[in-house]
Structures are given as structure tokens and as C-alpha cells.
Amino acid sequence: MEFYLDLAMIVISIALIAVIILQNRGAGLGGLGGGDFGGGSGYHVRRGVEKLLFNVTIGLSFTFFLLAILNVTFAG
């Protein structure tokens, strides 16, 4: 059972990393601080693929959290 939980954690973590990297909006290093230095508004509407990636990220992070809890529970 532990082997399958570990394998699932690895697969979900790789998928989560890939989806987060795909969400890059071309902000470059200026986006690392979280500020909007371009003078635009801070509000941004997600549409299309960006919204899909955002929702997939939420689902994968929730799944990763549940797998981590299960891994700790069954490891003992």
C-alpha cells in the first residue's frame, strides 16, 4: 500500500510542478515579487486555458494534500 501511495505522490507532484510552470504569464523575474510594475490594474480575469490550468492546479494540490495525509496515516 505504501508503495502505491509513494508512487501516486511522485506522479501528482510532477504534474503539479508542470502545471504551475505552465501558468507563467511571461512576467519574467519582475513577477517574482508579486507586484505589478507595469502600471496595470491588479485585477486579472482568468479565461480559457488559463482558467483551466488554475482549476487543475487547485485539484492537484488538494489531491497532493490528501495523499500526504494518507501517507502519514498508513506509514505508522
Protein backbone atom coordinates (compact mmCIF):
# COMPACT_ATOMS: atom_id res chain seq x y z
CA MET A 1 0.00 0.00 0.00
CA GLU A 2 2.83 2.38 0.89
CA PHE A 3 4.48 1.83 -2.48
CA TYR A 4 1.33 2.92 -4.33
CA LEU A 5 0.90 5.99 -2.12
CA ASP A 6 4.53 6.97 -2.71
CA LEU A 7 4.17 6.43 -6.44
CA ALA A 8 0.96 8.48 -6.54
CA MET A 9 2.68 11.29 -4.58
CA ILE A 10 5.54 11.36 -7.08
CA VAL A 11 3.21 11.45 -10.10
CA ILE A 12 0.97 14.15 -8.58
CA SER A 13 3.95 16.27 -7.53
CA ILE A 14 5.48 16.14 -11.03
CA ALA A 15 2.11 17.04 -12.57
CA LEU A 16 1.67 19.88 -10.07
CA ILE A 17 5.11 21.28 -10.88
CA ALA A 18 4.38 21.10 -14.62
CA VAL A 19 1.02 22.86 -14.28
CA ILE A 20 2.50 25.62 -12.11
CA ILE A 21 5.28 26.21 -14.63
CA LEU A 22 2.72 26.36 -17.45
CA GLN A 23 0.90 29.16 -15.62
CA ASN A 24 3.77 31.57 -16.19
CA ARG A 25 2.27 34.68 -17.81
CA GLY A 26 5.51 35.95 -19.23
CA ALA A 27 6.14 38.09 -16.18
CA GLY A 28 9.83 37.22 -16.09
CA LEU A 29 11.76 37.98 -12.93
CA GLY A 30 9.62 41.03 -12.21
CA GLY A 31 6.69 38.82 -11.31
CA LEU A 32 8.60 37.12 -8.52
CA GLY A 33 7.95 39.99 -6.13
CA GLY A 34 4.23 39.79 -6.71
CA GLY A 35 3.97 43.42 -7.66
CA ASP A 36 2.57 44.83 -10.88
CA PHE A 37 5.23 47.26 -12.05
CA GLY A 38 3.69 47.75 -15.48
CA GLY A 39 1.14 50.27 -14.27
CA GLY A 40 -1.82 48.00 -14.99
CA SER A 41 -4.55 47.05 -12.58
CA GLY A 42 -4.06 44.29 -10.06
CA TYR A 43 -7.28 42.56 -11.08
CA HIS A 44 -6.96 39.85 -13.69
CA VAL A 45 -9.75 37.72 -15.14
CA ARG A 46 -8.80 34.16 -15.99
CA ARG A 47 -10.23 32.86 -19.24
CA GLY A 48 -9.83 29.78 -21.38
CA VAL A 49 -6.68 27.76 -20.85
CA GLU A 50 -5.52 29.97 -18.00
CA LYS A 51 -8.71 29.23 -16.05
CA LEU A 52 -8.36 25.51 -16.81
CA LEU A 53 -4.76 25.46 -15.57
CA PHE A 54 -5.79 27.35 -12.42
CA ASN A 55 -8.55 24.83 -11.67
CA VAL A 56 -6.28 21.86 -12.40
CA THR A 57 -3.70 23.33 -10.01
CA ILE A 58 -6.30 23.54 -7.26
CA GLY A 59 -7.40 19.95 -7.88
CA LEU A 60 -3.84 18.62 -7.96
CA SER A 61 -2.86 20.49 -4.80
CA PHE A 62 -5.94 19.16 -2.96
CA THR A 63 -5.11 15.62 -4.15
CA PHE A 64 -1.48 16.04 -3.10
CA PHE A 65 -2.61 17.19 0.36
CA LEU A 66 -4.92 14.19 0.77
CA LEU A 67 -2.20 11.79 -0.38
CA ALA A 68 0.22 13.31 2.12
CA ILE A 69 -2.30 12.79 4.93
CA LEU A 70 -2.92 9.20 3.82
CA ASN A 71 0.81 8.55 3.54
CA VAL A 72 1.40 9.73 7.10
CA THR A 73 -1.59 7.76 8.38
CA PHE A 74 -0.62 4.45 6.78
CA ALA A 75 3.13 4.80 7.30
CA GLY A 76 2.78 4.18 11.04
